[in-house]
């Protein structure tokens, strides 16, 4: 609501890892949080 934070949810159903680079309105934006659910991880 205060526009300070953006949450992205990525669903990679493929069989290969994907390298992703993030930008905010075209400006490179550092990732401040990363949470993964997979066969090995549970929202880690």
ModelCIF file with pLDDT and N, C-alpha, C, O atoms, coordinates in Angstrom:
data_MODEL
#
_entry.id   MODEL 
#
_entity.id                         1 
_entity.type                       polymer 
_entity.pdbx_number_of_molecules   1 
#
_entity_poly.entity_id                      1 
_entity_poly.type                           'polypeptide(L)' 
_entity_poly.nstd_linkage                   no 
_entity_poly.nstd_monomer                   no 
_entity_poly.pdbx_seq_one_letter_code       
;(UNK)(UNK)(UNK)(UNK)(UNK)(UNK)(UNK)(UNK)(UNK)(UNK)(UNK)(UNK)(UNK)(UNK)(UNK)(UNK)
(UNK)(UNK)(UNK)(UNK)(UNK)(UNK)(UNK)(UNK)(UNK)(UNK)(UNK)(UNK)(UNK)(UNK)(UNK)(UNK)
(UNK)(UNK)(UNK)(UNK)(UNK)(UNK)(UNK)(UNK)(UNK)(UNK)(UNK)(UNK)
;
_entity_poly.pdbx_seq_one_letter_code_can   XXXXXXXXXXXXXXXXXXXXXXXXXXXXXXXXXXXXXXXXXXXX 
_entity_poly.pdbx_strand_id                 A 
#
loop_
_entity_poly_seq.entity_id 
_entity_poly_seq.num 
_entity_poly_seq.mon_id 
_entity_poly_seq.hetero 
1 1  UNK n 
1 2  UNK n 
1 3  UNK n 
1 4  UNK n 
1 5  UNK n 
1 6  UNK n 
1 7  UNK n 
1 8  UNK n 
1 9  UNK n 
1 10 UNK n 
1 11 UNK n 
1 12 UNK n 
1 13 UNK n 
1 14 UNK n 
1 15 UNK n 
1 16 UNK n 
1 17 UNK n 
1 18 UNK n 
1 19 UNK n 
1 20 UNK n 
1 21 UNK n 
1 22 UNK n 
1 23 UNK n 
1 24 UNK n 
1 25 UNK n 
1 26 UNK n 
1 27 UNK n 
1 28 UNK n 
1 29 UNK n 
1 30 UNK n 
1 31 UNK n 
1 32 UNK n 
1 33 UNK n 
1 34 UNK n 
1 35 UNK n 
1 36 UNK n 
1 37 UNK n 
1 38 UNK n 
1 39 UNK n 
1 40 UNK n 
1 41 UNK n 
1 42 UNK n 
1 43 UNK n 
1 44 UNK n 
#
_struct_asym.id          A 
_struct_asym.entity_id   1 
#
loop_
_ma_qa_metric.id 
_ma_qa_metric.mode 
_ma_qa_metric.name 
_ma_qa_metric.software_group_id 
_ma_qa_metric.type 
1 global pLDDT . pLDDT 
2 local  pLDDT . pLDDT 
#
_ma_qa_metric_global.metric_id      1 
_ma_qa_metric_global.metric_value   96.55 
_ma_qa_metric_global.model_id       1 
_ma_qa_metric_global.ordinal_id     1 
#
loop_
_ma_qa_metric_local.label_asym_id 
_ma_qa_metric_local.label_comp_id 
_ma_qa_metric_local.label_seq_id 
_ma_qa_metric_local.metric_id 
_ma_qa_metric_local.metric_value 
_ma_qa_metric_local.model_id 
_ma_qa_metric_local.ordinal_id 
A UNK 1  2 96.00 1 1  
A UNK 2  2 94.00 1 2  
A UNK 3  2 92.00 1 3  
A UNK 4  2 93.00 1 4  
A UNK 5  2 96.00 1 5  
A UNK 6  2 98.00 1 6  
A UNK 7  2 98.00 1 7  
A UNK 8  2 98.00 1 8  
A UNK 9  2 98.00 1 9  
A UNK 10 2 98.00 1 10 
A UNK 11 2 98.00 1 11 
A UNK 12 2 98.00 1 12 
A UNK 13 2 97.00 1 13 
A UNK 14 2 96.00 1 14 
A UNK 15 2 96.00 1 15 
A UNK 16 2 96.00 1 16 
A UNK 17 2 97.00 1 17 
A UNK 18 2 97.00 1 18 
A UNK 19 2 97.00 1 19 
A UNK 20 2 97.00 1 20 
A UNK 21 2 97.00 1 21 
A UNK 22 2 97.00 1 22 
A UNK 23 2 96.00 1 23 
A UNK 24 2 96.00 1 24 
A UNK 25 2 96.00 1 25 
A UNK 26 2 95.00 1 26 
A UNK 27 2 96.00 1 27 
A UNK 28 2 95.00 1 28 
A UNK 29 2 94.00 1 29 
A UNK 30 2 94.00 1 30 
A UNK 31 2 96.00 1 31 
A UNK 32 2 95.00 1 32 
A UNK 33 2 96.00 1 33 
A UNK 34 2 97.00 1 34 
A UNK 35 2 98.00 1 35 
A UNK 36 2 98.00 1 36 
A UNK 37 2 98.00 1 37 
A UNK 38 2 98.00 1 38 
A UNK 39 2 97.00 1 39 
A UNK 40 2 97.00 1 40 
A UNK 41 2 98.00 1 41 
A UNK 42 2 98.00 1 42 
A UNK 43 2 98.00 1 43 
A UNK 44 2 98.00 1 44 
#
loop_
_atom_site.group_PDB 
_atom_site.id 
_atom_site.type_symbol 
_atom_site.label_atom_id 
_atom_site.label_alt_id 
_atom_site.label_comp_id 
_atom_site.label_asym_id 
_atom_site.label_entity_id 
_atom_site.label_seq_id 
_atom_site.pdbx_PDB_ins_code 
_atom_site.Cartn_x 
_atom_site.Cartn_y 
_atom_site.Cartn_z 
_atom_site.occupancy 
_atom_site.B_iso_or_equiv 
_atom_site.pdbx_formal_charge 
_atom_site.auth_seq_id 
_atom_site.auth_comp_id 
_atom_site.auth_asym_id 
_atom_site.auth_atom_id 
_atom_site.pdbx_PDB_model_num 
ATOM 1   N N  . UNK A 1 1  ? 0.812  -1.211  0.000   1.00 96.00 ? 1  UNK A N  1 
ATOM 2   C CA . UNK A 1 1  ? 0.000  0.000   0.000   1.00 96.00 ? 1  UNK A CA 1 
ATOM 3   C C  . UNK A 1 1  ? 0.850  1.267   0.000   1.00 96.00 ? 1  UNK A C  1 
ATOM 4   O O  . UNK A 1 1  ? 0.454  2.280   -0.577  1.00 96.00 ? 1  UNK A O  1 
ATOM 5   N N  . UNK A 1 2  ? 2.026  1.216   0.649   1.00 94.00 ? 2  UNK A N  1 
ATOM 6   C CA . UNK A 1 2  ? 2.900  2.388   0.677   1.00 94.00 ? 2  UNK A CA 1 
ATOM 7   C C  . UNK A 1 2  ? 3.879  2.418   -0.494  1.00 94.00 ? 2  UNK A C  1 
ATOM 8   O O  . UNK A 1 2  ? 4.711  3.319   -0.602  1.00 94.00 ? 2  UNK A O  1 
ATOM 9   N N  . UNK A 1 3  ? 3.764  1.420   -1.367  1.00 92.00 ? 3  UNK A N  1 
ATOM 10  C CA . UNK A 1 3  ? 4.564  1.328   -2.594  1.00 92.00 ? 3  UNK A CA 1 
ATOM 11  C C  . UNK A 1 3  ? 6.056  1.108   -2.334  1.00 92.00 ? 3  UNK A C  1 
ATOM 12  O O  . UNK A 1 3  ? 6.869  1.247   -3.248  1.00 92.00 ? 3  UNK A O  1 
ATOM 13  N N  . UNK A 1 4  ? 6.414  0.772   -1.117  1.00 93.00 ? 4  UNK A N  1 
ATOM 14  C CA . UNK A 1 4  ? 7.829  0.565   -0.811  1.00 93.00 ? 4  UNK A CA 1 
ATOM 15  C C  . UNK A 1 4  ? 8.299  -0.852  -1.140  1.00 93.00 ? 4  UNK A C  1 
ATOM 16  O O  . UNK A 1 4  ? 9.497  -1.082  -1.310  1.00 93.00 ? 4  UNK A O  1 
ATOM 17  N N  . UNK A 1 5  ? 7.382  -1.786  -1.230  1.00 96.00 ? 5  UNK A N  1 
ATOM 18  C CA . UNK A 1 5  ? 7.752  -3.190  -1.404  1.00 96.00 ? 5  UNK A CA 1 
ATOM 19  C C  . UNK A 1 5  ? 6.983  -3.789  -2.564  1.00 96.00 ? 5  UNK A C  1 
ATOM 20  O O  . UNK A 1 5  ? 5.800  -3.503  -2.745  1.00 96.00 ? 5  UNK A O  1 
ATOM 21  N N  . UNK A 1 6  ? 7.646  -4.611  -3.344  1.00 98.00 ? 6  UNK A N  1 
ATOM 22  C CA . UNK A 1 6  ? 6.997  -5.373  -4.399  1.00 98.00 ? 6  UNK A CA 1 
ATOM 23  C C  . UNK A 1 6  ? 7.248  -6.851  -4.151  1.00 98.00 ? 6  UNK A C  1 
ATOM 24  O O  . UNK A 1 6  ? 8.379  -7.277  -3.918  1.00 98.00 ? 6  UNK A O  1 
ATOM 25  N N  . UNK A 1 7  ? 6.167  -7.625  -4.208  1.00 98.00 ? 7  UNK A N  1 
ATOM 26  C CA . UNK A 1 7  ? 6.240  -9.076  -4.075  1.00 98.00 ? 7  UNK A CA 1 
ATOM 27  C C  . UNK A 1 7  ? 6.033  -9.685  -5.458  1.00 98.00 ? 7  UNK A C  1 
ATOM 28  O O  . UNK A 1 7  ? 5.057  -9.367  -6.137  1.00 98.00 ? 7  UNK A O  1 
ATOM 29  N N  . UNK A 1 8  ? 6.933  -10.546 -5.872  1.00 98.00 ? 8  UNK A N  1 
ATOM 30  C CA . UNK A 1 8  ? 6.759  -11.308 -7.105  1.00 98.00 ? 8  UNK A CA 1 
ATOM 31  C C  . UNK A 1 8  ? 6.681  -12.790 -6.748  1.00 98.00 ? 8  UNK A C  1 
ATOM 32  O O  . UNK A 1 8  ? 7.429  -13.272 -5.897  1.00 98.00 ? 8  UNK A O  1 
ATOM 33  N N  . UNK A 1 9  ? 5.777  -13.500 -7.399  1.00 98.00 ? 9  UNK A N  1 
ATOM 34  C CA . UNK A 1 9  ? 5.702  -14.949 -7.240  1.00 98.00 ? 9  UNK A CA 1 
ATOM 35  C C  . UNK A 1 9  ? 5.975  -15.583 -8.593  1.00 98.00 ? 9  UNK A C  1 
ATOM 36  O O  . UNK A 1 9  ? 5.285  -15.305 -9.574  1.00 98.00 ? 9  UNK A O  1 
ATOM 37  N N  . UNK A 1 10 ? 6.989  -16.435 -8.634  1.00 98.00 ? 10 UNK A N  1 
ATOM 38  C CA . UNK A 1 10 ? 7.396  -17.123 -9.852  1.00 98.00 ? 10 UNK A CA 1 
ATOM 39  C C  . UNK A 1 10 ? 7.064  -18.606 -9.709  1.00 98.00 ? 10 UNK A C  1 
ATOM 40  O O  . UNK A 1 10 ? 7.374  -19.222 -8.689  1.00 98.00 ? 10 UNK A O  1 
ATOM 41  N N  . UNK A 1 11 ? 6.440  -19.167 -10.722 1.00 98.00 ? 11 UNK A N  1 
ATOM 42  C CA . UNK A 1 11 ? 6.101  -20.588 -10.737 1.00 98.00 ? 11 UNK A CA 1 
ATOM 43  C C  . UNK A 1 11 ? 6.878  -21.214 -11.896 1.00 98.00 ? 11 UNK A C  1 
ATOM 44  O O  . UNK A 1 11 ? 6.524  -21.042 -13.062 1.00 98.00 ? 11 UNK A O  1 
ATOM 45  N N  . UNK A 1 12 ? 7.932  -21.935 -11.559 1.00 98.00 ? 12 UNK A N  1 
ATOM 46  C CA . UNK A 1 12 ? 8.770  -22.596 -12.569 1.00 98.00 ? 12 UNK A CA 1 
ATOM 47  C C  . UNK A 1 12 ? 8.391  -24.069 -12.614 1.00 98.00 ? 12 UNK A C  1 
ATOM 48  O O  . UNK A 1 12 ? 8.874  -24.868 -11.811 1.00 98.00 ? 12 UNK A O  1 
ATOM 49  N N  . UNK A 1 13 ? 7.527  -24.422 -13.556 1.00 97.00 ? 13 UNK A N  1 
ATOM 50  C CA . UNK A 1 13 ? 7.098  -25.817 -13.690 1.00 97.00 ? 13 UNK A CA 1 
ATOM 51  C C  . UNK A 1 13 ? 8.034  -26.623 -14.572 1.00 97.00 ? 13 UNK A C  1 
ATOM 52  O O  . UNK A 1 13 ? 7.847  -27.829 -14.735 1.00 97.00 ? 13 UNK A O  1 
ATOM 53  N N  . UNK A 1 14 ? 9.031  -25.977 -15.139 1.00 96.00 ? 14 UNK A N  1 
ATOM 54  C CA . UNK A 1 14 ? 9.945  -26.649 -16.053 1.00 96.00 ? 14 UNK A CA 1 
ATOM 55  C C  . UNK A 1 14 ? 10.954 -27.531 -15.347 1.00 96.00 ? 14 UNK A C  1 
ATOM 56  O O  . UNK A 1 14 ? 11.013 -27.571 -14.119 1.00 96.00 ? 14 UNK A O  1 
ATOM 57  N N  . UNK A 1 15 ? 11.738 -28.229 -16.129 1.00 96.00 ? 15 UNK A N  1 
ATOM 58  C CA . UNK A 1 15 ? 12.716 -29.179 -15.580 1.00 96.00 ? 15 UNK A CA 1 
ATOM 59  C C  . UNK A 1 15 ? 14.111 -28.570 -15.495 1.00 96.00 ? 15 UNK A C  1 
ATOM 60  O O  . UNK A 1 15 ? 15.067 -29.258 -15.139 1.00 96.00 ? 15 UNK A O  1 
ATOM 61  N N  . UNK A 1 16 ? 14.233 -27.276 -15.824 1.00 96.00 ? 16 UNK A N  1 
ATOM 62  C CA . UNK A 1 16 ? 15.520 -26.598 -15.755 1.00 96.00 ? 16 UNK A CA 1 
ATOM 63  C C  . UNK A 1 16 ? 15.429 -25.392 -14.826 1.00 96.00 ? 16 UNK A C  1 
ATOM 64  O O  . UNK A 1 16 ? 14.385 -24.751 -14.712 1.00 96.00 ? 16 UNK A O  1 
ATOM 65  N N  . UNK A 1 17 ? 16.555 -25.099 -14.161 1.00 97.00 ? 17 UNK A N  1 
ATOM 66  C CA . UNK A 1 17 ? 16.644 -23.869 -13.386 1.00 97.00 ? 17 UNK A CA 1 
ATOM 67  C C  . UNK A 1 17 ? 16.544 -22.678 -14.326 1.00 97.00 ? 17 UNK A C  1 
ATOM 68  O O  . UNK A 1 17 ? 16.898 -22.762 -15.502 1.00 97.00 ? 17 UNK A O  1 
ATOM 69  N N  . UNK A 1 18 ? 16.057 -21.570 -13.786 1.00 97.00 ? 18 UNK A N  1 
ATOM 70  C CA . UNK A 1 18 ? 15.947 -20.333 -14.554 1.00 97.00 ? 18 UNK A CA 1 
ATOM 71  C C  . UNK A 1 18 ? 16.663 -19.234 -13.785 1.00 97.00 ? 18 UNK A C  1 
ATOM 72  O O  . UNK A 1 18 ? 16.399 -19.022 -12.602 1.00 97.00 ? 18 UNK A O  1 
ATOM 73  N N  . UNK A 1 19 ? 17.573 -18.532 -14.465 1.00 97.00 ? 19 UNK A N  1 
ATOM 74  C CA . UNK A 1 19 ? 18.220 -17.387 -13.854 1.00 97.00 ? 19 UNK A CA 1 
ATOM 75  C C  . UNK A 1 19 ? 17.404 -16.151 -14.192 1.00 97.00 ? 19 UNK A C  1 
ATOM 76  O O  . UNK A 1 19 ? 17.129 -15.892 -15.363 1.00 97.00 ? 19 UNK A O  1 
ATOM 77  N N  . UNK A 1 20 ? 17.016 -15.388 -13.183 1.00 97.00 ? 20 UNK A N  1 
ATOM 78  C CA . UNK A 1 20 ? 16.150 -14.232 -13.381 1.00 97.00 ? 20 UNK A CA 1 
ATOM 79  C C  . UNK A 1 20 ? 16.794 -12.987 -12.797 1.00 97.00 ? 20 UNK A C  1 
ATOM 80  O O  . UNK A 1 20 ? 17.362 -13.019 -11.706 1.00 97.00 ? 20 UNK A O  1 
ATOM 81  N N  . UNK A 1 21 ? 16.699 -11.881 -13.542 1.00 97.00 ? 21 UNK A N  1 
ATOM 82  C CA . UNK A 1 21 ? 17.194 -10.592 -13.096 1.00 97.00 ? 21 UNK A CA 1 
ATOM 83  C C  . UNK A 1 21 ? 16.011 -9.635  -12.991 1.00 97.00 ? 21 UNK A C  1 
ATOM 84  O O  . UNK A 1 21 ? 15.164 -9.599  -13.884 1.00 97.00 ? 21 UNK A O  1 
ATOM 85  N N  . UNK A 1 22 ? 15.944 -8.858  -11.905 1.00 97.00 ? 22 UNK A N  1 
ATOM 86  C CA . UNK A 1 22 ? 14.749 -8.069  -11.604 1.00 97.00 ? 22 UNK A CA 1 
ATOM 87  C C  . UNK A 1 22 ? 15.018 -6.581  -11.721 1.00 97.00 ? 22 UNK A C  1 
ATOM 88  O O  . UNK A 1 22 ? 16.068 -6.077  -11.322 1.00 97.00 ? 22 UNK A O  1 
ATOM 89  N N  . UNK A 1 23 ? 14.029 -5.895  -12.283 1.00 96.00 ? 23 UNK A N  1 
ATOM 90  C CA . UNK A 1 23 ? 14.097 -4.439  -12.356 1.00 96.00 ? 23 UNK A CA 1 
ATOM 91  C C  . UNK A 1 23 ? 12.738 -3.862  -11.989 1.00 96.00 ? 23 UNK A C  1 
ATOM 92  O O  . UNK A 1 23 ? 11.698 -4.502  -12.145 1.00 96.00 ? 23 UNK A O  1 
ATOM 93  N N  . UNK A 1 24 ? 12.785 -2.633  -11.499 1.00 96.00 ? 24 UNK A N  1 
ATOM 94  C CA . UNK A 1 24 ? 11.597 -1.914  -11.033 1.00 96.00 ? 24 UNK A CA 1 
ATOM 95  C C  . UNK A 1 24 ? 11.442 -0.680  -11.907 1.00 96.00 ? 24 UNK A C  1 
ATOM 96  O O  . UNK A 1 24 ? 12.214 0.273   -11.792 1.00 96.00 ? 24 UNK A O  1 
ATOM 97  N N  . UNK A 1 25 ? 10.429 -0.701  -12.795 1.00 96.00 ? 25 UNK A N  1 
ATOM 98  C CA . UNK A 1 25 ? 10.264 0.370   -13.778 1.00 96.00 ? 25 UNK A CA 1 
ATOM 99  C C  . UNK A 1 25 ? 11.546 0.591   -14.567 1.00 96.00 ? 25 UNK A C  1 
ATOM 100 O O  . UNK A 1 25 ? 11.956 1.727   -14.808 1.00 96.00 ? 25 UNK A O  1 
ATOM 101 N N  . UNK A 1 26 ? 12.170 -0.509  -14.965 1.00 95.00 ? 26 UNK A N  1 
ATOM 102 C CA . UNK A 1 26 ? 13.346 -0.459  -15.818 1.00 95.00 ? 26 UNK A CA 1 
ATOM 103 C C  . UNK A 1 26 ? 14.659 -0.240  -15.104 1.00 95.00 ? 26 UNK A C  1 
ATOM 104 O O  . UNK A 1 26 ? 15.717 -0.272  -15.732 1.00 95.00 ? 26 UNK A O  1 
ATOM 105 N N  . UNK A 1 27 ? 14.611 -0.018  -13.797 1.00 96.00 ? 27 UNK A N  1 
ATOM 106 C CA . UNK A 1 27 ? 15.820 0.211   -13.018 1.00 96.00 ? 27 UNK A CA 1 
ATOM 107 C C  . UNK A 1 27 ? 16.145 -1.053  -12.222 1.00 96.00 ? 27 UNK A C  1 
ATOM 108 O O  . UNK A 1 27 ? 15.291 -1.576  -11.505 1.00 96.00 ? 27 UNK A O  1 
ATOM 109 N N  . UNK A 1 28 ? 17.364 -1.536  -12.347 1.00 95.00 ? 28 UNK A N  1 
ATOM 110 C CA . UNK A 1 28 ? 17.771 -2.751  -11.638 1.00 95.00 ? 28 UNK A CA 1 
ATOM 111 C C  . UNK A 1 28 ? 17.449 -2.633  -10.158 1.00 95.00 ? 28 UNK A C  1 
ATOM 112 O O  . UNK A 1 28 ? 17.780 -1.636  -9.517  1.00 95.00 ? 28 UNK A O  1 
ATOM 113 N N  . UNK A 1 29 ? 16.797 -3.666  -9.620  1.00 94.00 ? 29 UNK A N  1 
ATOM 114 C CA . UNK A 1 29 ? 16.333 -3.611  -8.234  1.00 94.00 ? 29 UNK A CA 1 
ATOM 115 C C  . UNK A 1 29 ? 16.881 -4.785  -7.442  1.00 94.00 ? 29 UNK A C  1 
ATOM 116 O O  . UNK A 1 29 ? 16.656 -5.939  -7.808  1.00 94.00 ? 29 UNK A O  1 
ATOM 117 N N  . UNK A 1 30 ? 17.597 -4.504  -6.358  1.00 94.00 ? 30 UNK A N  1 
ATOM 118 C CA . UNK A 1 30 ? 18.140 -5.599  -5.559  1.00 94.00 ? 30 UNK A CA 1 
ATOM 119 C C  . UNK A 1 30 ? 17.049 -6.422  -4.883  1.00 94.00 ? 30 UNK A C  1 
ATOM 120 O O  . UNK A 1 30 ? 16.011 -5.895  -4.480  1.00 94.00 ? 30 UNK A O  1 
ATOM 121 N N  . UNK A 1 31 ? 17.300 -7.702  -4.768  1.00 96.00 ? 31 UNK A N  1 
ATOM 122 C CA . UNK A 1 31 ? 16.376 -8.622  -4.109  1.00 96.00 ? 31 UNK A CA 1 
ATOM 123 C C  . UNK A 1 31 ? 16.638 -8.578  -2.609  1.00 96.00 ? 31 UNK A C  1 
ATOM 124 O O  . UNK A 1 31 ? 17.767 -8.791  -2.167  1.00 96.00 ? 31 UNK A O  1 
ATOM 125 N N  . UNK A 1 32 ? 15.597 -8.302  -1.826  1.00 95.00 ? 32 UNK A N  1 
ATOM 126 C CA . UNK A 1 32 ? 15.755 -8.208  -0.378  1.00 95.00 ? 32 UNK A CA 1 
ATOM 127 C C  . UNK A 1 32 ? 15.189 -9.426  0.352   1.00 95.00 ? 32 UNK A C  1 
ATOM 128 O O  . UNK A 1 32 ? 15.392 -9.578  1.556   1.00 95.00 ? 32 UNK A O  1 
ATOM 129 N N  . UNK A 1 33 ? 14.478 -10.296 -0.377  1.00 96.00 ? 33 UNK A N  1 
ATOM 130 C CA . UNK A 1 33 ? 13.937 -11.505 0.230   1.00 96.00 ? 33 UNK A CA 1 
ATOM 131 C C  . UNK A 1 33 ? 13.695 -12.562 -0.826  1.00 96.00 ? 33 UNK A C  1 
ATOM 132 O O  . UNK A 1 33 ? 13.270 -12.253 -1.939  1.00 96.00 ? 33 UNK A O  1 
ATOM 133 N N  . UNK A 1 34 ? 13.966 -13.811 -0.479  1.00 97.00 ? 34 UNK A N  1 
ATOM 134 C CA . UNK A 1 34 ? 13.812 -14.922 -1.423  1.00 97.00 ? 34 UNK A CA 1 
ATOM 135 C C  . UNK A 1 34 ? 13.337 -16.141 -0.643  1.00 97.00 ? 34 UNK A C  1 
ATOM 136 O O  . UNK A 1 34 ? 13.988 -16.568 0.310   1.00 97.00 ? 34 UNK A O  1 
ATOM 137 N N  . UNK A 1 35 ? 12.179 -16.711 -1.060  1.00 98.00 ? 35 UNK A N  1 
ATOM 138 C CA . UNK A 1 35 ? 11.572 -17.827 -0.341  1.00 98.00 ? 35 UNK A CA 1 
ATOM 139 C C  . UNK A 1 35 ? 11.173 -18.901 -1.355  1.00 98.00 ? 35 UNK A C  1 
ATOM 140 O O  . UNK A 1 35 ? 10.455 -18.628 -2.317  1.00 98.00 ? 35 UNK A O  1 
ATOM 141 N N  . UNK A 1 36 ? 11.642 -20.108 -1.127  1.00 98.00 ? 36 UNK A N  1 
ATOM 142 C CA . UNK A 1 36 ? 11.517 -21.169 -2.133  1.00 98.00 ? 36 UNK A CA 1 
ATOM 143 C C  . UNK A 1 36 ? 10.737 -22.353 -1.581  1.00 98.00 ? 36 UNK A C  1 
ATOM 144 O O  . UNK A 1 36 ? 11.000 -22.829 -0.477  1.00 98.00 ? 36 UNK A O  1 
ATOM 145 N N  . UNK A 1 37 ? 9.774  -22.818 -2.368  1.00 98.00 ? 37 UNK A N  1 
ATOM 146 C CA . UNK A 1 37 ? 9.090  -24.083 -2.104  1.00 98.00 ? 37 UNK A CA 1 
ATOM 147 C C  . UNK A 1 37 ? 9.402  -25.023 -3.263  1.00 98.00 ? 37 UNK A C  1 
ATOM 148 O O  . UNK A 1 37 ? 9.147  -24.701 -4.424  1.00 98.00 ? 37 UNK A O  1 
ATOM 149 N N  . UNK A 1 38 ? 9.949  -26.175 -2.939  1.00 98.00 ? 38 UNK A N  1 
ATOM 150 C CA . UNK A 1 38 ? 10.319 -27.180 -3.934  1.00 98.00 ? 38 UNK A CA 1 
ATOM 151 C C  . UNK A 1 38 ? 10.186 -28.538 -3.274  1.00 98.00 ? 38 UNK A C  1 
ATOM 152 O O  . UNK A 1 38 ? 9.701  -28.636 -2.147  1.00 98.00 ? 38 UNK A O  1 
ATOM 153 N N  . UNK A 1 39 ? 10.610 -29.584 -3.962  1.00 97.00 ? 39 UNK A N  1 
ATOM 154 C CA . UNK A 1 39 ? 10.566 -30.907 -3.334  1.00 97.00 ? 39 UNK A CA 1 
ATOM 155 C C  . UNK A 1 39 ? 11.428 -30.949 -2.086  1.00 97.00 ? 39 UNK A C  1 
ATOM 156 O O  . UNK A 1 39 ? 11.135 -31.694 -1.151  1.00 97.00 ? 39 UNK A O  1 
ATOM 157 N N  . UNK A 1 40 ? 12.497 -30.147 -2.066  1.00 97.00 ? 40 UNK A N  1 
ATOM 158 C CA . UNK A 1 40 ? 13.438 -30.166 -0.949  1.00 97.00 ? 40 UNK A CA 1 
ATOM 159 C C  . UNK A 1 40 ? 13.160 -29.082 0.078   1.00 97.00 ? 40 UNK A C  1 
ATOM 160 O O  . UNK A 1 40 ? 13.512 -29.238 1.247   1.00 97.00 ? 40 UNK A O  1 
ATOM 161 N N  . UNK A 1 41 ? 12.532 -27.982 -0.337  1.00 98.00 ? 41 UNK A N  1 
ATOM 162 C CA . UNK A 1 41 ? 12.369 -26.818 0.530   1.00 98.00 ? 41 UNK A CA 1 
ATOM 163 C C  . UNK A 1 41 ? 10.894 -26.491 0.729   1.00 98.00 ? 41 UNK A C  1 
ATOM 164 O O  . UNK A 1 41 ? 10.077 -26.704 -0.166  1.00 98.00 ? 41 UNK A O  1 
ATOM 165 N N  . UNK A 1 42 ? 10.561 -25.973 1.904   1.00 98.00 ? 42 UNK A N  1 
ATOM 166 C CA . UNK A 1 42 ? 9.185  -25.605 2.230   1.00 98.00 ? 42 UNK A CA 1 
ATOM 167 C C  . UNK A 1 42 ? 9.126  -24.152 2.670   1.00 98.00 ? 42 UNK A C  1 
ATOM 168 O O  . UNK A 1 42 ? 9.196  -23.850 3.861   1.00 98.00 ? 42 UNK A O  1 
ATOM 169 N N  . UNK A 1 43 ? 8.995  -23.251 1.694   1.00 98.00 ? 43 UNK A N  1 
ATOM 170 C CA . UNK A 1 43 ? 8.980  -21.813 1.921   1.00 98.00 ? 43 UNK A CA 1 
ATOM 171 C C  . UNK A 1 43 ? 10.208 -21.390 2.731   1.00 98.00 ? 43 UNK A C  1 
ATOM 172 O O  . UNK A 1 43 ? 10.111 -20.612 3.680   1.00 98.00 ? 43 UNK A O  1 
ATOM 173 N N  . UNK A 1 44 ? 11.358 -21.922 2.331   1.00 98.00 ? 44 UNK A N  1 
ATOM 174 C CA . UNK A 1 44 ? 12.608 -21.637 3.028   1.00 98.00 ? 44 UNK A CA 1 
ATOM 175 C C  . UNK A 1 44 ? 13.168 -20.299 2.577   1.00 98.00 ? 44 UNK A C  1 
ATOM 176 O O  . UNK A 1 44 ? 14.223 -19.879 3.053   1.00 98.00 ? 44 UNK A O  1 
#
